[in-house]
PDB file of N, CA and C in Angstrom:
ATOM      1  N   MET A   1     -22.566  43.019  91.747  1.00  0.00           N
ATOM      2  CA  MET A   1     -23.357  43.329  90.567  1.00  0.00           C
ATOM      3  C   MET A   1     -23.220  44.799  90.180  1.00  0.00           C
ATOM      4  N   LEU A   2     -23.263  45.647  91.188  1.00  0.00           N
ATOM      5  CA  LEU A   2     -23.180  47.072  90.901  1.00  0.00           C
ATOM      6  C   LEU A   2     -21.815  47.447  90.324  1.00  0.00           C
ATOM      7  N   ARG A   3     -20.747  46.856  90.827  1.00  0.00           N
ATOM      8  CA  ARG A   3     -19.414  47.134  90.289  1.00  0.00           C
ATOM      9  C   ARG A   3     -19.307  46.674  88.841  1.00  0.00           C
ATOM     10  N   LEU A   4     -19.931  45.550  88.520  1.00  0.00           N
ATOM     11  CA  LEU A   4     -19.921  45.051  87.148  1.00  0.00           C
ATOM     12  C   LEU A   4     -20.636  46.029  86.219  1.00  0.00           C
ATOM     13  N   VAL A   5     -21.804  46.480  86.613  1.00  0.00           N
ATOM     14  CA  VAL A   5     -22.566  47.425  85.789  1.00  0.00           C
ATOM     15  C   VAL A   5     -21.781  48.727  85.634  1.00  0.00           C
ATOM     16  N   ARG A   6     -21.170  49.190  86.715  1.00  0.00           N
ATOM     17  CA  ARG A   6     -20.383  50.425  86.658  1.00  0.00           C
ATOM     18  C   ARG A   6     -19.198  50.273  85.702  1.00  0.00           C
ATOM     19  N   ALA A   7     -18.473  49.161  85.798  1.00  0.00           N
ATOM     20  CA  ALA A   7     -17.327  48.928  84.909  1.00  0.00           C
ATOM     21  C   ALA A   7     -17.774  48.815  83.457  1.00  0.00           C
ATOM     22  N   HIS A   8     -18.908  48.181  83.228  1.00  0.00           N
ATOM     23  CA  HIS A   8     -19.441  48.067  81.863  1.00  0.00           C
ATOM     24  C   HIS A   8     -19.831  49.445  81.332  1.00  0.00           C
ATOM     25  N   HIS A   9     -20.499  50.223  82.153  1.00  0.00           N
ATOM     26  CA  HIS A   9     -20.936  51.561  81.750  1.00  0.00           C
ATOM     27  C   HIS A   9     -19.739  52.461  81.418  1.00  0.00           C
ATOM     28  N   ARG A  10     -18.672  52.341  82.163  1.00  0.00           N
ATOM     29  CA  ARG A  10     -17.464  53.136  81.921  1.00  0.00           C
ATOM     30  C   ARG A  10     -16.666  52.647  80.705  1.00  0.00           C
ATOM     31  N   GLY A  11     -17.039  51.489  80.178  1.00  0.00           N
ATOM     32  CA  GLY A  11     -16.324  50.926  79.039  1.00  0.00           C
ATOM     33  C   GLY A  11     -15.069  50.161  79.442  1.00  0.00           C
ATOM     34  N   GLU A  12     -14.924  49.881  80.721  1.00  0.00           N
ATOM     35  CA  GLU A  12     -13.753  49.161  81.216  1.00  0.00           C
ATOM     36  C   GLU A  12     -13.906  47.650  81.058  1.00  0.00           C
ATOM     37  N   TYR A  13     -15.134  47.182  81.090  1.00  0.00           N
ATOM     38  CA  TYR A  13     -15.401  45.736  81.031  1.00  0.00           C
ATOM     39  C   TYR A  13     -16.537  45.487  80.054  1.00  0.00           C
ATOM     40  N   ASP A  14     -16.253  44.723  78.994  1.00  0.00           N
ATOM     41  CA  ASP A  14     -17.286  44.484  77.990  1.00  0.00           C
ATOM     42  C   ASP A  14     -17.534  42.996  77.738  1.00  0.00           C
ATOM     43  N   GLN A  15     -17.021  42.158  78.596  1.00  0.00           N
ATOM     44  CA  GLN A  15     -17.147  40.716  78.403  1.00  0.00           C
ATOM     45  C   GLN A  15     -18.387  40.182  79.123  1.00  0.00           C
ATOM     46  N   ILE A  16     -19.503  40.813  78.886  1.00  0.00           N
ATOM     47  CA  ILE A  16     -20.743  40.423  79.548  1.00  0.00           C
ATOM     48  C   ILE A  16     -21.827  40.197  78.497  1.00  0.00           C
ATOM     49  N   PRO A  17     -22.423  39.015  78.508  1.00  0.00           N
ATOM     50  CA  PRO A  17     -23.516  38.755  77.565  1.00  0.00           C
ATOM     51  C   PRO A  17     -24.691  39.702  77.826  1.00  0.00           C
ATOM     52  N   ASP A  18     -25.360  40.106  76.765  1.00  0.00           N
ATOM     53  CA  ASP A  18     -26.476  41.042  76.903  1.00  0.00           C
ATOM     54  C   ASP A  18     -27.567  40.520  77.828  1.00  0.00           C
ATOM     55  N   ASN A  19     -27.854  39.223  77.754  1.00  0.00           N
ATOM     56  CA  ASN A  19     -28.919  38.688  78.602  1.00  0.00           C
ATOM     57  C   ASN A  19     -28.529  38.743  80.083  1.00  0.00           C
ATOM     58  N   ALA A  20     -27.254  38.522  80.403  1.00  0.00           N
ATOM     59  CA  ALA A  20     -26.807  38.610  81.793  1.00  0.00           C
ATOM     60  C   ALA A  20     -26.878  40.052  82.273  1.00  0.00           C
ATOM     61  N   LEU A  21     -26.482  40.982  81.423  1.00  0.00           N
ATOM     62  CA  LEU A  21     -26.554  42.402  81.791  1.00  0.00           C
ATOM     63  C   LEU A  21     -28.000  42.806  82.051  1.00  0.00           C
ATOM     64  N   LEU A  22     -28.900  42.341  81.226  1.00  0.00           N
ATOM     65  CA  LEU A  22     -30.320  42.642  81.403  1.00  0.00           C
ATOM     66  C   LEU A  22     -30.828  42.110  82.743  1.00  0.00           C
ATOM     67  N   TRP A  23     -30.515  40.863  83.068  1.00  0.00           N
ATOM     68  CA  TRP A  23     -30.934  40.267  84.338  1.00  0.00           C
ATOM     69  C   TRP A  23     -30.388  41.057  85.525  1.00  0.00           C
ATOM     70  N   ILE A  24     -29.117  41.424  85.444  1.00  0.00           N
ATOM     71  CA  ILE A  24     -28.467  42.124  86.563  1.00  0.00           C
ATOM     72  C   ILE A  24     -29.060  43.515  86.752  1.00  0.00           C
ATOM     73  N   VAL A  25     -29.233  44.249  85.670  1.00  0.00           N
ATOM     74  CA  VAL A  25     -29.816  45.591  85.769  1.00  0.00           C
ATOM     75  C   VAL A  25     -31.255  45.505  86.282  1.00  0.00           C
ATOM     76  N   ALA A  26     -32.009  44.536  85.817  1.00  0.00           N
ATOM     77  CA  ALA A  26     -33.393  44.365  86.282  1.00  0.00           C
ATOM     78  C   ALA A  26     -33.431  44.062  87.782  1.00  0.00           C
ATOM     79  N   ALA A  27     -32.526  43.220  88.255  1.00  0.00           N
ATOM     80  CA  ALA A  27     -32.491  42.879  89.678  1.00  0.00           C
ATOM     81  C   ALA A  27     -32.122  44.093  90.527  1.00  0.00           C
ATOM     82  N   LEU A  28     -31.131  44.850  90.081  1.00  0.00           N
ATOM     83  CA  LEU A  28     -30.742  46.054  90.825  1.00  0.00           C
ATOM     84  C   LEU A  28     -31.873  47.076  90.831  1.00  0.00           C
ATOM     85  N   ASN A  29     -32.561  47.198  89.713  1.00  0.00           N
ATOM     86  CA  ASN A  29     -33.705  48.105  89.648  1.00  0.00           C
ATOM     87  C   ASN A  29     -34.799  47.656  90.613  1.00  0.00           C
ATOM     88  N   TYR A  30     -35.085  46.375  90.647  1.00  0.00           N
ATOM     89  CA  TYR A  30     -36.103  45.851  91.561  1.00  0.00           C
ATOM     90  C   TYR A  30     -35.718  46.120  93.008  1.00  0.00           C
ATOM     91  N   LEU A  31     -34.432  45.998  93.293  1.00  0.00           N
ATOM     92  CA  LEU A  31     -33.938  46.195  94.656  1.00  0.00           C
ATOM     93  C   LEU A  31     -34.153  47.632  95.131  1.00  0.00           C
ATOM     94  N   ILE A  32     -33.948  48.604  94.257  1.00  0.00           N
ATOM     95  CA  ILE A  32     -34.068  50.001  94.686  1.00  0.00           C
ATOM     96  C   ILE A  32     -35.453  50.598  94.454  1.00  0.00           C
ATOM     97  N   ASP A  33     -36.264  49.936  93.637  1.00  0.00           N
ATOM     98  CA  ASP A  33     -37.604  50.439  93.346  1.00  0.00           C
ATOM     99  C   ASP A  33     -38.499  50.287  94.578  1.00  0.00           C
ATOM    100  N   PRO A  34     -39.130  51.365  95.025  1.00  0.00           N
ATOM    101  CA  PRO A  34     -39.975  51.260  96.216  1.00  0.00           C
ATOM    102  C   PRO A  34     -41.280  50.493  95.977  1.00  0.00           C
ATOM    103  N   PHE A  35     -41.631  50.250  94.722  1.00  0.00           N
ATOM    104  CA  PHE A  35     -42.880  49.550  94.417  1.00  0.00           C
ATOM    105  C   PHE A  35     -42.603  48.076  94.150  1.00  0.00           C
ATOM    106  N   ASP A  36     -42.335  47.335  95.218  1.00  0.00           N
ATOM    107  CA  ASP A  36     -42.052  45.899  95.142  1.00  0.00           C
ATOM    108  C   ASP A  36     -43.347  45.103  95.155  1.00  0.00           C
ATOM    109  N   LEU A  37     -43.179  43.810  94.915  1.00  0.00           N
ATOM    110  CA  LEU A  37     -44.308  42.900  95.056  1.00  0.00           C
ATOM    111  C   LEU A  37     -44.815  42.937  96.497  1.00  0.00           C
ATOM    112  N   ILE A  38     -43.881  42.918  97.442  1.00  0.00           N
ATOM    113  CA  ILE A  38     -44.199  43.066  98.866  1.00  0.00           C
ATOM    114  C   ILE A  38     -43.460  44.324  99.333  1.00  0.00           C
ATOM    115  N   PRO A  39     -44.148  45.365  99.770  1.00  0.00           N
ATOM    116  CA  PRO A  39     -43.484  46.610 100.172  1.00  0.00           C
ATOM    117  C   PRO A  39     -42.433  46.373 101.263  1.00  0.00           C
ATOM    118  N   ASP A  40     -41.310  47.091 101.154  1.00  0.00           N
ATOM    119  CA  ASP A  40     -40.220  46.935 102.116  1.00  0.00           C
ATOM    120  C   ASP A  40     -40.638  47.311 103.531  1.00  0.00           C
ATOM    121  N   ALA A  41     -41.688  48.106 103.677  1.00  0.00           N
ATOM    122  CA  ALA A  41     -42.165  48.505 104.999  1.00  0.00           C
ATOM    123  C   ALA A  41     -42.813  47.343 105.756  1.00  0.00           C
ATOM    124  N   THR A  42     -43.159  46.275 105.035  1.00  0.00           N
ATOM    125  CA  THR A  42     -43.744  45.099 105.684  1.00  0.00           C
ATOM    126  C   THR A  42     -42.633  44.364 106.429  1.00  0.00           C
ATOM    127  N   PRO A  43     -42.778  44.229 107.751  1.00  0.00           N
ATOM    128  CA  PRO A  43     -41.704  43.597 108.532  1.00  0.00           C
ATOM    129  C   PRO A  43     -41.309  42.221 107.980  1.00  0.00           C
ATOM    130  N   VAL A  44     -40.052  41.993 107.872  1.00  0.00           N
ATOM    131  CA  VAL A  44     -39.406  40.771 107.415  1.00  0.00           C
ATOM    132  C   VAL A  44     -39.751  40.433 105.957  1.00  0.00           C
ATOM    133  N   LEU A  45     -41.013  40.232 105.659  1.00  0.00           N
ATOM    134  CA  LEU A  45     -41.415  39.831 104.310  1.00  0.00           C
ATOM    135  C   LEU A  45     -41.068  40.874 103.258  1.00  0.00           C
ATOM    136  N   GLY A  46     -40.976  42.125 103.667  1.00  0.00           N
ATOM    137  CA  GLY A  46     -40.669  43.194 102.736  1.00  0.00           C
ATOM    138  C   GLY A  46     -39.321  43.043 102.060  1.00  0.00           C
ATOM    139  N   PHE A  47     -38.399  42.374 102.735  1.00  0.00           N
ATOM    140  CA  PHE A  47     -37.072  42.185 102.158  1.00  0.00           C
ATOM    141  C   PHE A  47     -36.884  40.779 101.582  1.00  0.00           C
ATOM    142  N   VAL A  48     -37.808  39.891 101.875  1.00  0.00           N
ATOM    143  CA  VAL A  48     -37.714  38.522 101.368  1.00  0.00           C
ATOM    144  C   VAL A  48     -37.825  38.501  99.846  1.00  0.00           C
ATOM    145  N   ASP A  49     -38.750  39.282  99.294  1.00  0.00           N
ATOM    146  CA  ASP A  49     -38.886  39.289  97.830  1.00  0.00           C
ATOM    147  C   ASP A  49     -37.639  39.880  97.176  1.00  0.00           C
ATOM    148  N   ASP A  50     -37.040  40.912  97.790  1.00  0.00           N
ATOM    149  CA  ASP A  50     -35.798  41.482  97.251  1.00  0.00           C
ATOM    150  C   ASP A  50     -34.690  40.435  97.254  1.00  0.00           C
ATOM    151  N   ALA A  51     -34.540  39.746  98.374  1.00  0.00           N
ATOM    152  CA  ALA A  51     -33.493  38.722  98.499  1.00  0.00           C
ATOM    153  C   ALA A  51     -33.725  37.588  97.505  1.00  0.00           C
ATOM    154  N   THR A  52     -34.971  37.230  97.285  1.00  0.00           N
ATOM    155  CA  THR A  52     -35.302  36.161  96.343  1.00  0.00           C
ATOM    156  C   THR A  52     -34.917  36.549  94.916  1.00  0.00           C
ATOM    157  N   VAL A  53     -35.200  37.779  94.538  1.00  0.00           N
ATOM    158  CA  VAL A  53     -34.841  38.247  93.189  1.00  0.00           C
ATOM    159  C   VAL A  53     -33.328  38.262  93.023  1.00  0.00           C
ATOM    160  N   ILE A  54     -32.607  38.785  94.011  1.00  0.00           N
ATOM    161  CA  ILE A  54     -31.144  38.841  93.940  1.00  0.00           C
ATOM    162  C   ILE A  54     -30.564  37.429  93.866  1.00  0.00           C
ATOM    163  N   GLU A  55     -31.092  36.513  94.674  1.00  0.00           N
ATOM    164  CA  GLU A  55     -30.606  35.125  94.640  1.00  0.00           C
ATOM    165  C   GLU A  55     -30.865  34.488  93.273  1.00  0.00           C
ATOM    166  N   PHE A  56     -32.038  34.696  92.724  1.00  0.00           N
ATOM    167  CA  PHE A  56     -32.386  34.134  91.419  1.00  0.00           C
ATOM    168  C   PHE A  56     -31.431  34.627  90.335  1.00  0.00           C
ATOM    169  N   VAL A  57     -31.201  35.942  90.313  1.00  0.00           N
ATOM    170  CA  VAL A  57     -30.338  36.525  89.282  1.00  0.00           C
ATOM    171  C   VAL A  57     -28.886  36.123  89.502  1.00  0.00           C
ATOM    172  N   THR A  58     -28.455  36.041  90.745  1.00  0.00           N
ATOM    173  CA  THR A  58     -27.091  35.597  91.037  1.00  0.00           C
ATOM    174  C   THR A  58     -26.877  34.184  90.509  1.00  0.00           C
ATOM    175  N   ASP A  59     -27.837  33.315  90.726  1.00  0.00           N
ATOM    176  CA  ASP A  59     -27.738  31.949  90.191  1.00  0.00           C
ATOM    177  C   ASP A  59     -27.734  31.958  88.662  1.00  0.00           C
ATOM    178  N   LYS A  60     -28.587  32.781  88.062  1.00  0.00           N
ATOM    179  CA  LYS A  60     -28.719  32.840  86.608  1.00  0.00           C
ATOM    180  C   LYS A  60     -27.455  33.403  85.937  1.00  0.00           C
ATOM    181  N   ALA A  61     -26.800  34.357  86.608  1.00  0.00           N
ATOM    182  CA  ALA A  61     -25.637  35.032  86.020  1.00  0.00           C
ATOM    183  C   ALA A  61     -24.337  34.652  86.738  1.00  0.00           C
ATOM    184  N   ARG A  62     -24.304  33.520  87.409  1.00  0.00           N
ATOM    185  CA  ARG A  62     -23.148  33.106  88.213  1.00  0.00           C
ATOM    186  C   ARG A  62     -21.845  33.150  87.427  1.00  0.00           C
ATOM    187  N   GLN A  63     -21.814  32.564  86.244  1.00  0.00           N
ATOM    188  CA  GLN A  63     -20.567  32.516  85.473  1.00  0.00           C
ATOM    189  C   GLN A  63     -20.114  33.922  85.081  1.00  0.00           C
ATOM    190  N   THR A  64     -21.044  34.759  84.691  1.00  0.00           N
ATOM    191  CA  THR A  64     -20.714  36.146  84.336  1.00  0.00           C
ATOM    192  C   THR A  64     -20.142  36.887  85.536  1.00  0.00           C
ATOM    193  N   LEU A  65     -20.762  36.716  86.704  1.00  0.00           N
ATOM    194  CA  LEU A  65     -20.275  37.369  87.920  1.00  0.00           C
ATOM    195  C   LEU A  65     -18.898  36.843  88.318  1.00  0.00           C
ATOM    196  N   ASP A  66     -18.694  35.537  88.209  1.00  0.00           N
ATOM    197  CA  ASP A  66     -17.380  34.950  88.525  1.00  0.00           C
ATOM    198  C   ASP A  66     -16.310  35.476  87.568  1.00  0.00           C
ATOM    199  N   ASP A  67     -16.626  35.526  86.283  1.00  0.00           N
ATOM    200  CA  ASP A  67     -15.674  36.036  85.288  1.00  0.00           C
ATOM    201  C   ASP A  67     -15.307  37.491  85.588  1.00  0.00           C
ATOM    202  N   PHE A  68     -16.302  38.277  85.966  1.00  0.00           N
ATOM    203  CA  PHE A  68     -16.033  39.678  86.290  1.00  0.00           C
ATOM    204  C   PHE A  68     -15.128  39.792  87.515  1.00  0.00           C
ATOM    205  N   MET A  69     -15.391  39.001  88.537  1.00  0.00           N
ATOM    206  CA  MET A  69     -14.563  39.082  89.752  1.00  0.00           C
ATOM    207  C   MET A  69     -13.121  38.683  89.460  1.00  0.00           C
ATOM    208  N   ILE A  70     -12.916  37.703  88.595  1.00  0.00           N
ATOM    209  CA  ILE A  70     -11.557  37.324  88.193  1.00  0.00           C
ATOM    210  C   ILE A  70     -10.897  38.477  87.446  1.00  0.00           C
ATOM    211  N   TRP A  71     -11.621  39.071  86.503  1.00  0.00           N
ATOM    212  CA  TRP A  71     -11.091  40.214  85.749  1.00  0.00           C
ATOM    213  C   TRP A  71     -10.764  41.375  86.684  1.00  0.00           C
ATOM    214  N   GLU A  72     -11.678  41.666  87.600  1.00  0.00           N
ATOM    215  CA  GLU A  72     -11.503  42.791  88.519  1.00  0.00           C
ATOM    216  C   GLU A  72     -10.286  42.579  89.419  1.00  0.00           C
ATOM    217  N   THR A  73     -10.126  41.376  89.939  1.00  0.00           N
ATOM    218  CA  THR A  73      -8.977  41.061  90.793  1.00  0.00           C
ATOM    219  C   THR A  73      -7.675  41.201  90.012  1.00  0.00           C
ATOM    220  N   ALA A  74      -7.645  40.681  88.797  1.00  0.00           N
ATOM    221  CA  ALA A  74      -6.443  40.786  87.962  1.00  0.00           C
ATOM    222  C   ALA A  74      -6.129  42.237  87.642  1.00  0.00           C
ATOM    223  N   THR A  75      -7.148  43.037  87.394  1.00  0.00           N
ATOM    224  CA  THR A  75      -6.953  44.454  87.087  1.00  0.00           C
ATOM    225  C   THR A  75      -6.378  45.193  88.284  1.00  0.00           C
ATOM    226  N   VAL A  76      -6.889  44.908  89.471  1.00  0.00           N
ATOM    227  CA  VAL A  76      -6.382  45.551  90.690  1.00  0.00           C
ATOM    228  C   VAL A  76      -4.950  45.125  90.949  1.00  0.00           C
ATOM    229  N   LEU A  77      -4.648  43.850  90.784  1.00  0.00           N
ATOM    230  CA  LEU A  77      -3.274  43.361  91.004  1.00  0.00           C
ATOM    231  C   LEU A  77      -2.301  44.011  90.021  1.00  0.00           C
ATOM    232  N   ARG A  78      -2.713  44.121  88.752  1.00  0.00           N
ATOM    233  CA  ARG A  78      -1.865  44.783  87.753  1.00  0.00           C
ATOM    234  C   ARG A  78      -1.634  46.240  88.113  1.00  0.00           C
ATOM    235  N   SER A  79      -2.696  46.901  88.556  1.00  0.00           N
ATOM    236  CA  SER A  79      -2.596  48.304  88.932  1.00  0.00           C
ATOM    237  C   SER A  79      -1.664  48.488  90.126  1.00  0.00           C
ATOM    238  N   ASP A  80      -1.786  47.606  91.131  1.00  0.00           N
ATOM    239  CA  ASP A  80      -0.915  47.666  92.304  1.00  0.00           C
ATOM    240  C   ASP A  80       0.528  47.391  91.914  1.00  0.00           C
ATOM    241  N   HIS A  81       0.723  46.439  91.021  1.00  0.00           N
ATOM    242  CA  HIS A  81       2.076  46.079  90.573  1.00  0.00           C
ATOM    243  C   HIS A  81       2.703  47.252  89.823  1.00  0.00           C
ATOM    244  N   ASN A  82       1.943  47.882  88.953  1.00  0.00           N
ATOM    245  CA  ASN A  82       2.461  49.008  88.179  1.00  0.00           C
ATOM    246  C   ASN A  82       2.727  50.226  89.070  1.00  0.00           C
ATOM    247  N   SER A  83       1.940  50.385  90.121  1.00  0.00           N
ATOM    248  CA  SER A  83       2.143  51.511  91.046  1.00  0.00           C
ATOM    249  C   SER A  83       3.404  51.334  91.878  1.00  0.00           C
ATOM    250  N   ALA A  84       3.767  50.082  92.123  1.00  0.00           N
ATOM    251  CA  ALA A  84       4.932  49.785  92.960  1.00  0.00           C
ATOM    252  C   ALA A  84       6.240  50.029  92.224  1.00  0.00           C
ATOM    253  N   LYS A  85       6.202  50.126  90.911  1.00  0.00           N
ATOM    254  CA  LYS A  85       7.429  50.314  90.119  1.00  0.00           C
ATOM    255  C   LYS A  85       7.936  51.724  90.225  1.00  0.00           C
TER     256      LYS A  85
END
């Protein structure tokens, strides 16, 4: 998710629906925000809410994430191929 947001921010990847971008950014924000529904300092349960949010958004944006990984792999392969010449 973070690589997708970074590539989008750099203008390298723009094939992402606005609603998927919103979900992904919101999930990443929730993950790093110290003010969770259940504080991370709470043993075990503190990370359960984070994992639940990430799982929910991953399911919601699955096609977008898959499309990005295909694009990213193709971009790396092209870059490696061009470097070998």
